[in-house]
N, C-alpha and C. Protein backbone atom coordinates (compact mmCIF):
# COMPACT_ATOMS: atom_id res chain seq x y z
N MET A 1 -4.83 7.18 -26.05
CA MET A 1 -4.34 8.54 -26.00
C MET A 1 -3.63 8.82 -24.67
N ALA A 2 -4.27 8.43 -23.56
CA ALA A 2 -3.67 8.68 -22.25
C ALA A 2 -2.34 7.94 -22.12
N GLN A 3 -2.27 6.71 -22.64
CA GLN A 3 -1.03 5.94 -22.55
C GLN A 3 0.09 6.61 -23.33
N ARG A 4 -0.21 7.14 -24.50
CA ARG A 4 0.82 7.84 -25.28
C ARG A 4 1.32 9.07 -24.54
N LYS A 5 0.41 9.80 -23.90
CA LYS A 5 0.81 10.98 -23.13
C LYS A 5 1.67 10.57 -21.94
N MET A 6 1.32 9.45 -21.32
CA MET A 6 2.11 8.95 -20.20
C MET A 6 3.51 8.56 -20.68
N ASP A 7 3.58 7.87 -21.79
CA ASP A 7 4.88 7.47 -22.36
C ASP A 7 5.74 8.70 -22.63
N ARG A 8 5.15 9.72 -23.24
CA ARG A 8 5.89 10.95 -23.55
C ARG A 8 6.37 11.65 -22.28
N ALA A 9 5.50 11.71 -21.28
CA ALA A 9 5.87 12.36 -20.02
C ALA A 9 7.05 11.65 -19.38
N LEU A 10 7.03 10.33 -19.36
CA LEU A 10 8.13 9.58 -18.76
C LEU A 10 9.42 9.74 -19.55
N GLN A 11 9.32 9.75 -20.86
CA GLN A 11 10.52 9.97 -21.68
C GLN A 11 11.11 11.35 -21.46
N THR A 12 10.26 12.32 -21.26
CA THR A 12 10.71 13.70 -21.08
C THR A 12 11.24 13.96 -19.68
N LEU A 13 10.54 13.47 -18.67
CA LEU A 13 10.85 13.83 -17.28
C LEU A 13 11.83 12.90 -16.58
N ASN A 14 11.96 11.68 -17.05
CA ASN A 14 12.86 10.73 -16.40
C ASN A 14 14.18 10.61 -17.14
N LYS A 15 15.20 10.19 -16.39
CA LYS A 15 16.54 10.02 -16.96
C LYS A 15 16.85 8.56 -17.29
N GLY A 16 15.98 7.66 -16.85
CA GLY A 16 16.22 6.24 -17.11
C GLY A 16 17.26 5.64 -16.20
N THR A 17 17.48 6.23 -15.03
CA THR A 17 18.51 5.76 -14.11
C THR A 17 18.07 4.53 -13.31
N ILE A 18 16.77 4.31 -13.23
CA ILE A 18 16.24 3.15 -12.52
C ILE A 18 15.45 2.33 -13.54
N PRO A 19 15.77 1.05 -13.70
CA PRO A 19 15.06 0.25 -14.70
C PRO A 19 13.57 0.13 -14.38
N TYR A 20 12.78 0.13 -15.42
CA TYR A 20 11.33 -0.01 -15.27
C TYR A 20 10.95 -1.47 -15.14
N ILE A 21 9.82 -1.69 -14.47
CA ILE A 21 9.13 -2.97 -14.51
C ILE A 21 7.71 -2.65 -14.97
N GLU A 22 7.22 -3.40 -15.93
CA GLU A 22 5.86 -3.20 -16.42
C GLU A 22 4.87 -3.76 -15.42
N VAL A 23 3.68 -3.19 -15.38
CA VAL A 23 2.63 -3.65 -14.49
C VAL A 23 2.38 -5.14 -14.69
N SER A 24 2.30 -5.58 -15.95
CA SER A 24 2.01 -6.99 -16.24
C SER A 24 3.09 -7.93 -15.68
N GLU A 25 4.32 -7.48 -15.63
CA GLU A 25 5.40 -8.30 -15.06
C GLU A 25 5.35 -8.26 -13.53
N ALA A 26 5.13 -7.07 -12.98
CA ALA A 26 5.10 -6.92 -11.52
C ALA A 26 3.98 -7.74 -10.90
N ILE A 27 2.82 -7.73 -11.54
CA ILE A 27 1.66 -8.43 -10.99
C ILE A 27 1.89 -9.93 -10.93
N SER A 28 2.78 -10.45 -11.76
CA SER A 28 3.01 -11.89 -11.80
C SER A 28 4.07 -12.36 -10.81
N LYS A 29 4.68 -11.44 -10.09
CA LYS A 29 5.72 -11.81 -9.13
C LYS A 29 5.21 -11.68 -7.70
N ASP A 30 5.59 -12.62 -6.85
CA ASP A 30 5.11 -12.63 -5.47
C ASP A 30 6.05 -11.98 -4.47
N SER A 31 7.32 -11.95 -4.76
CA SER A 31 8.31 -11.59 -3.74
C SER A 31 8.76 -10.13 -3.80
N LEU A 32 7.95 -9.25 -4.36
CA LEU A 32 8.35 -7.85 -4.48
C LEU A 32 7.86 -7.03 -3.29
N ILE A 33 8.68 -6.10 -2.87
CA ILE A 33 8.26 -5.11 -1.86
C ILE A 33 7.94 -3.84 -2.62
N TYR A 34 6.73 -3.32 -2.44
CA TYR A 34 6.31 -2.09 -3.11
C TYR A 34 6.50 -0.91 -2.18
N LEU A 35 7.19 0.11 -2.68
CA LEU A 35 7.41 1.34 -1.92
C LEU A 35 6.67 2.47 -2.62
N ASP A 36 5.78 3.11 -1.90
CA ASP A 36 4.96 4.20 -2.45
C ASP A 36 5.65 5.53 -2.16
N SER A 37 6.03 6.23 -3.23
CA SER A 37 6.78 7.49 -3.08
C SER A 37 5.89 8.73 -3.26
N ARG A 38 4.59 8.56 -3.14
CA ARG A 38 3.69 9.70 -3.25
C ARG A 38 3.54 10.39 -1.89
N ASP A 39 2.82 11.50 -1.87
CA ASP A 39 2.51 12.17 -0.61
C ASP A 39 1.62 11.26 0.24
N ILE A 40 1.68 11.45 1.54
CA ILE A 40 0.88 10.61 2.44
C ILE A 40 -0.61 10.74 2.15
N LYS A 41 -1.08 11.93 1.75
CA LYS A 41 -2.51 12.09 1.46
C LYS A 41 -2.91 11.24 0.25
N GLU A 42 -2.01 11.06 -0.71
CA GLU A 42 -2.28 10.21 -1.86
C GLU A 42 -2.34 8.74 -1.43
N PHE A 43 -1.37 8.35 -0.61
CA PHE A 43 -1.28 6.97 -0.11
C PHE A 43 -2.53 6.61 0.68
N ARG A 44 -3.04 7.56 1.47
CA ARG A 44 -4.22 7.29 2.30
C ARG A 44 -5.50 7.13 1.49
N VAL A 45 -5.54 7.63 0.28
CA VAL A 45 -6.70 7.40 -0.59
C VAL A 45 -6.67 5.95 -1.07
N SER A 46 -5.54 5.52 -1.59
CA SER A 46 -5.36 4.13 -2.01
C SER A 46 -3.90 3.89 -2.35
N HIS A 47 -3.55 2.63 -2.36
CA HIS A 47 -2.19 2.21 -2.68
C HIS A 47 -2.22 0.75 -3.12
N LEU A 48 -1.08 0.25 -3.58
CA LEU A 48 -0.99 -1.16 -3.95
C LEU A 48 -1.01 -2.00 -2.68
N LYS A 49 -1.48 -3.22 -2.81
CA LYS A 49 -1.61 -4.11 -1.64
C LYS A 49 -0.28 -4.25 -0.91
N ASP A 50 -0.31 -4.04 0.38
CA ASP A 50 0.84 -4.19 1.27
C ASP A 50 1.99 -3.23 0.97
N ALA A 51 1.73 -2.18 0.20
CA ALA A 51 2.78 -1.20 -0.10
C ALA A 51 3.21 -0.49 1.18
N ILE A 52 4.46 -0.07 1.18
CA ILE A 52 5.03 0.68 2.30
C ILE A 52 5.19 2.12 1.85
N TRP A 53 4.63 3.03 2.62
CA TRP A 53 4.77 4.44 2.27
C TRP A 53 6.16 4.92 2.66
N VAL A 54 6.88 5.50 1.68
CA VAL A 54 8.19 6.10 1.95
C VAL A 54 8.19 7.59 1.62
N GLY A 55 7.19 8.03 0.87
CA GLY A 55 7.10 9.44 0.52
C GLY A 55 8.16 9.88 -0.47
N HIS A 56 8.14 11.17 -0.72
CA HIS A 56 9.08 11.78 -1.65
C HIS A 56 9.77 12.94 -0.95
N ASP A 57 9.03 13.97 -0.64
CA ASP A 57 9.60 15.15 -0.01
C ASP A 57 10.11 14.86 1.40
N PHE A 58 9.48 13.89 2.07
CA PHE A 58 9.85 13.57 3.45
C PHE A 58 10.44 12.17 3.57
N PHE A 59 11.10 11.72 2.52
CA PHE A 59 11.72 10.39 2.52
C PHE A 59 12.71 10.27 3.67
N ASP A 60 12.59 9.20 4.44
CA ASP A 60 13.44 8.98 5.61
C ASP A 60 14.26 7.70 5.41
N PRO A 61 15.53 7.84 5.01
CA PRO A 61 16.36 6.65 4.74
C PRO A 61 16.48 5.72 5.94
N LYS A 62 16.58 6.26 7.14
CA LYS A 62 16.73 5.41 8.33
C LYS A 62 15.51 4.54 8.55
N ARG A 63 14.33 5.12 8.36
CA ARG A 63 13.09 4.36 8.51
C ARG A 63 13.05 3.23 7.49
N LEU A 64 13.41 3.53 6.24
CA LEU A 64 13.41 2.51 5.20
C LEU A 64 14.38 1.39 5.54
N GLN A 65 15.57 1.74 6.00
CA GLN A 65 16.58 0.73 6.32
C GLN A 65 16.13 -0.17 7.47
N GLU A 66 15.30 0.36 8.36
CA GLU A 66 14.73 -0.48 9.42
C GLU A 66 13.69 -1.44 8.87
N ILE A 67 12.88 -0.97 7.93
CA ILE A 67 11.80 -1.78 7.36
C ILE A 67 12.34 -2.79 6.35
N VAL A 68 13.31 -2.36 5.53
CA VAL A 68 13.90 -3.22 4.49
C VAL A 68 15.42 -3.22 4.68
N PRO A 69 15.90 -4.00 5.65
CA PRO A 69 17.34 -3.98 5.95
C PRO A 69 18.22 -4.69 4.92
N ASP A 70 17.67 -5.67 4.21
CA ASP A 70 18.45 -6.42 3.22
C ASP A 70 18.54 -5.61 1.93
N LEU A 71 19.74 -5.16 1.59
CA LEU A 71 19.94 -4.31 0.43
C LEU A 71 19.71 -5.02 -0.91
N ASP A 72 19.58 -6.35 -0.89
CA ASP A 72 19.33 -7.11 -2.11
C ASP A 72 17.85 -7.45 -2.30
N THR A 73 17.01 -6.99 -1.40
CA THR A 73 15.57 -7.24 -1.50
C THR A 73 15.02 -6.67 -2.81
N PRO A 74 14.22 -7.44 -3.54
CA PRO A 74 13.59 -6.90 -4.76
C PRO A 74 12.55 -5.84 -4.40
N VAL A 75 12.82 -4.62 -4.80
CA VAL A 75 11.98 -3.47 -4.45
C VAL A 75 11.44 -2.84 -5.72
N VAL A 76 10.13 -2.54 -5.70
CA VAL A 76 9.50 -1.78 -6.77
C VAL A 76 9.00 -0.48 -6.16
N VAL A 77 9.50 0.62 -6.66
CA VAL A 77 9.08 1.93 -6.18
C VAL A 77 8.09 2.50 -7.19
N TYR A 78 7.04 3.15 -6.68
CA TYR A 78 6.04 3.71 -7.58
C TYR A 78 5.49 5.02 -7.04
N CYS A 79 4.87 5.77 -7.95
CA CYS A 79 4.15 7.00 -7.61
C CYS A 79 2.94 7.05 -8.53
N SER A 80 2.52 8.24 -8.94
CA SER A 80 1.36 8.33 -9.83
C SER A 80 1.65 7.73 -11.19
N ILE A 81 2.75 8.17 -11.85
CA ILE A 81 3.09 7.60 -13.16
C ILE A 81 4.54 7.09 -13.24
N GLY A 82 5.41 7.51 -12.33
CA GLY A 82 6.78 6.99 -12.36
C GLY A 82 7.88 8.03 -12.34
N VAL A 83 7.56 9.28 -12.05
CA VAL A 83 8.57 10.34 -12.03
C VAL A 83 9.18 10.48 -10.63
N ARG A 84 8.33 10.70 -9.63
CA ARG A 84 8.85 10.81 -8.26
C ARG A 84 9.50 9.51 -7.83
N SER A 85 8.97 8.39 -8.30
CA SER A 85 9.54 7.10 -7.93
C SER A 85 10.94 6.91 -8.48
N GLU A 86 11.24 7.50 -9.63
CA GLU A 86 12.62 7.42 -10.13
C GLU A 86 13.55 8.17 -9.17
N ASP A 87 13.12 9.33 -8.69
CA ASP A 87 13.93 10.07 -7.72
C ASP A 87 14.22 9.23 -6.48
N ILE A 88 13.20 8.59 -5.95
CA ILE A 88 13.39 7.77 -4.76
C ILE A 88 14.23 6.54 -5.09
N GLY A 89 14.05 5.98 -6.26
CA GLY A 89 14.90 4.86 -6.69
C GLY A 89 16.37 5.24 -6.70
N GLU A 90 16.66 6.46 -7.16
CA GLU A 90 18.04 6.94 -7.15
C GLU A 90 18.56 7.05 -5.71
N ARG A 91 17.71 7.51 -4.80
CA ARG A 91 18.12 7.59 -3.39
C ARG A 91 18.40 6.19 -2.83
N LEU A 92 17.54 5.23 -3.21
CA LEU A 92 17.75 3.85 -2.75
C LEU A 92 19.09 3.32 -3.26
N LYS A 93 19.39 3.62 -4.50
CA LYS A 93 20.66 3.19 -5.09
C LYS A 93 21.83 3.78 -4.31
N GLU A 94 21.74 5.06 -3.96
CA GLU A 94 22.79 5.72 -3.15
C GLU A 94 22.94 5.05 -1.79
N LEU A 95 21.84 4.51 -1.25
CA LEU A 95 21.88 3.84 0.05
C LEU A 95 22.45 2.42 -0.05
N GLY A 96 22.64 1.94 -1.28
CA GLY A 96 23.23 0.62 -1.47
C GLY A 96 22.26 -0.46 -1.89
N TYR A 97 20.99 -0.13 -2.07
CA TYR A 97 20.03 -1.13 -2.55
C TYR A 97 20.40 -1.52 -3.98
N THR A 98 20.30 -2.82 -4.26
CA THR A 98 20.81 -3.33 -5.53
C THR A 98 19.75 -3.86 -6.48
N ASN A 99 18.53 -4.04 -6.00
CA ASN A 99 17.50 -4.68 -6.80
C ASN A 99 16.25 -3.80 -6.85
N ILE A 100 16.38 -2.64 -7.50
CA ILE A 100 15.33 -1.61 -7.52
C ILE A 100 14.75 -1.52 -8.93
N GLN A 101 13.43 -1.45 -8.99
CA GLN A 101 12.76 -1.19 -10.26
C GLN A 101 11.69 -0.13 -10.05
N ASN A 102 11.43 0.63 -11.11
CA ASN A 102 10.44 1.70 -11.10
C ASN A 102 9.21 1.18 -11.85
N LEU A 103 8.04 1.21 -11.21
CA LEU A 103 6.81 0.73 -11.84
C LEU A 103 6.40 1.67 -12.96
N TYR A 104 6.50 1.19 -14.18
CA TYR A 104 6.21 2.01 -15.35
C TYR A 104 4.73 2.40 -15.36
N GLY A 105 4.47 3.69 -15.33
CA GLY A 105 3.10 4.19 -15.33
C GLY A 105 2.49 4.28 -13.95
N GLY A 106 3.21 3.81 -12.93
CA GLY A 106 2.80 3.93 -11.55
C GLY A 106 1.42 3.37 -11.24
N ILE A 107 0.82 3.94 -10.20
CA ILE A 107 -0.49 3.47 -9.76
C ILE A 107 -1.56 3.77 -10.81
N PHE A 108 -1.34 4.81 -11.64
CA PHE A 108 -2.31 5.12 -12.69
C PHE A 108 -2.39 3.96 -13.69
N LYS A 109 -1.25 3.49 -14.17
CA LYS A 109 -1.27 2.39 -15.15
C LYS A 109 -1.76 1.11 -14.48
N TRP A 110 -1.39 0.91 -13.22
CA TRP A 110 -1.86 -0.25 -12.46
C TRP A 110 -3.39 -0.29 -12.47
N LYS A 111 -3.99 0.84 -12.10
CA LYS A 111 -5.46 0.92 -12.05
C LYS A 111 -6.06 0.87 -13.45
N ASN A 112 -5.45 1.58 -14.40
CA ASN A 112 -5.94 1.56 -15.79
C ASN A 112 -5.92 0.15 -16.37
N SER A 113 -5.02 -0.69 -15.88
CA SER A 113 -4.90 -2.08 -16.35
C SER A 113 -5.90 -3.00 -15.65
N GLY A 114 -6.68 -2.47 -14.73
CA GLY A 114 -7.72 -3.25 -14.08
C GLY A 114 -7.32 -3.95 -12.80
N TYR A 115 -6.16 -3.63 -12.25
CA TYR A 115 -5.72 -4.27 -11.01
C TYR A 115 -6.20 -3.48 -9.80
N PRO A 116 -6.40 -4.16 -8.67
CA PRO A 116 -6.99 -3.50 -7.51
C PRO A 116 -6.01 -2.60 -6.76
N VAL A 117 -6.60 -1.61 -6.11
CA VAL A 117 -5.89 -0.76 -5.16
C VAL A 117 -6.67 -0.83 -3.85
N PHE A 118 -6.00 -0.44 -2.76
CA PHE A 118 -6.57 -0.68 -1.44
C PHE A 118 -6.54 0.59 -0.59
N ASP A 119 -7.55 0.71 0.27
CA ASP A 119 -7.60 1.84 1.19
C ASP A 119 -6.77 1.52 2.43
N PRO A 120 -6.64 2.46 3.38
CA PRO A 120 -5.80 2.21 4.56
C PRO A 120 -6.24 1.02 5.42
N GLU A 121 -7.52 0.65 5.33
CA GLU A 121 -8.01 -0.49 6.10
C GLU A 121 -7.80 -1.82 5.38
N GLY A 122 -7.25 -1.77 4.17
CA GLY A 122 -6.98 -2.99 3.42
C GLY A 122 -8.13 -3.44 2.53
N ASN A 123 -9.12 -2.58 2.36
CA ASN A 123 -10.26 -2.91 1.50
C ASN A 123 -10.01 -2.42 0.08
N LYS A 124 -10.48 -3.19 -0.90
CA LYS A 124 -10.39 -2.73 -2.28
C LYS A 124 -11.21 -1.46 -2.43
N THR A 125 -10.70 -0.57 -3.26
CA THR A 125 -11.40 0.68 -3.51
C THR A 125 -11.22 1.08 -4.97
N GLU A 126 -12.13 1.86 -5.46
CA GLU A 126 -12.01 2.41 -6.81
C GLU A 126 -11.32 3.77 -6.78
N LYS A 127 -11.13 4.33 -5.60
CA LYS A 127 -10.56 5.66 -5.47
C LYS A 127 -9.05 5.66 -5.68
N VAL A 128 -8.60 6.64 -6.45
CA VAL A 128 -7.17 6.85 -6.67
C VAL A 128 -6.93 8.36 -6.63
N HIS A 129 -5.95 8.77 -5.85
CA HIS A 129 -5.61 10.19 -5.83
C HIS A 129 -4.99 10.53 -7.19
N ALA A 130 -5.57 11.49 -7.87
CA ALA A 130 -5.16 11.80 -9.24
C ALA A 130 -4.11 12.90 -9.32
N TYR A 131 -3.51 13.26 -8.20
CA TYR A 131 -2.44 14.25 -8.09
C TYR A 131 -2.93 15.66 -8.39
N ASN A 132 -3.29 15.94 -9.63
CA ASN A 132 -3.91 17.21 -9.98
C ASN A 132 -4.71 17.00 -11.27
N ARG A 133 -5.41 18.01 -11.70
CA ARG A 133 -6.31 17.84 -12.86
C ARG A 133 -5.56 17.58 -14.16
N VAL A 134 -4.34 18.07 -14.29
CA VAL A 134 -3.55 17.82 -15.50
C VAL A 134 -3.11 16.36 -15.53
N TRP A 135 -2.42 15.91 -14.48
CA TRP A 135 -1.95 14.53 -14.43
C TRP A 135 -3.12 13.56 -14.34
N GLY A 136 -4.20 13.99 -13.72
CA GLY A 136 -5.37 13.14 -13.56
C GLY A 136 -5.96 12.66 -14.87
N LYS A 137 -5.70 13.36 -15.96
CA LYS A 137 -6.19 12.94 -17.28
C LYS A 137 -5.58 11.60 -17.70
N LEU A 138 -4.45 11.24 -17.10
CA LEU A 138 -3.79 9.98 -17.43
C LEU A 138 -4.41 8.79 -16.70
N LEU A 139 -5.24 9.07 -15.70
CA LEU A 139 -5.95 8.02 -14.98
C LEU A 139 -7.31 7.84 -15.66
N THR A 140 -7.49 6.70 -16.31
CA THR A 140 -8.71 6.49 -17.10
C THR A 140 -9.71 5.56 -16.43
N LYS A 141 -9.33 4.90 -15.35
CA LYS A 141 -10.24 4.01 -14.63
C LYS A 141 -10.23 4.39 -13.15
N GLY A 142 -11.29 4.03 -12.46
CA GLY A 142 -11.39 4.33 -11.04
C GLY A 142 -11.99 5.70 -10.81
N GLU A 143 -12.13 6.02 -9.54
CA GLU A 143 -12.70 7.31 -9.12
C GLU A 143 -11.56 8.25 -8.76
N LYS A 144 -11.46 9.35 -9.47
CA LYS A 144 -10.39 10.32 -9.24
C LYS A 144 -10.67 11.15 -8.00
N ILE A 145 -9.68 11.23 -7.13
CA ILE A 145 -9.76 12.05 -5.93
C ILE A 145 -8.66 13.11 -6.02
N TYR A 146 -9.01 14.35 -5.70
CA TYR A 146 -8.03 15.45 -5.80
C TYR A 146 -7.73 16.09 -4.46
N GLU A 147 -8.35 15.68 -3.40
CA GLU A 147 -8.17 16.34 -2.10
C GLU A 147 -7.01 15.75 -1.34
């Protein structure tokens, strides 16, 4: 049920301007750079291993260009389910990045699929910021955090 709601939300809210990568495909690749487009408070609860926080409302193109200077670097941008990450993917495209994918279902689908997330110290955690109580219904595994 949650997956169908997630699918509908993405079809409704996204324009399809950034190609998706499925969690199962992303997990099998080693050379991807993960960019987290959630709020910093969400990132500090947990994130994908070695992800770089870029934010959404406070996205800083200059900072990103310093961290990822090669515009052909394979980049996967993600958020809770994949809406804010599409926005940031579009910004990356405008900056000239050529190899951008949006993680379908975001960190929620990642965690729902049984893959680990990490706290700021690099330790595995069950905690995932659930954004709010409405969107949090799409997170079916892990410990939901709303603060």
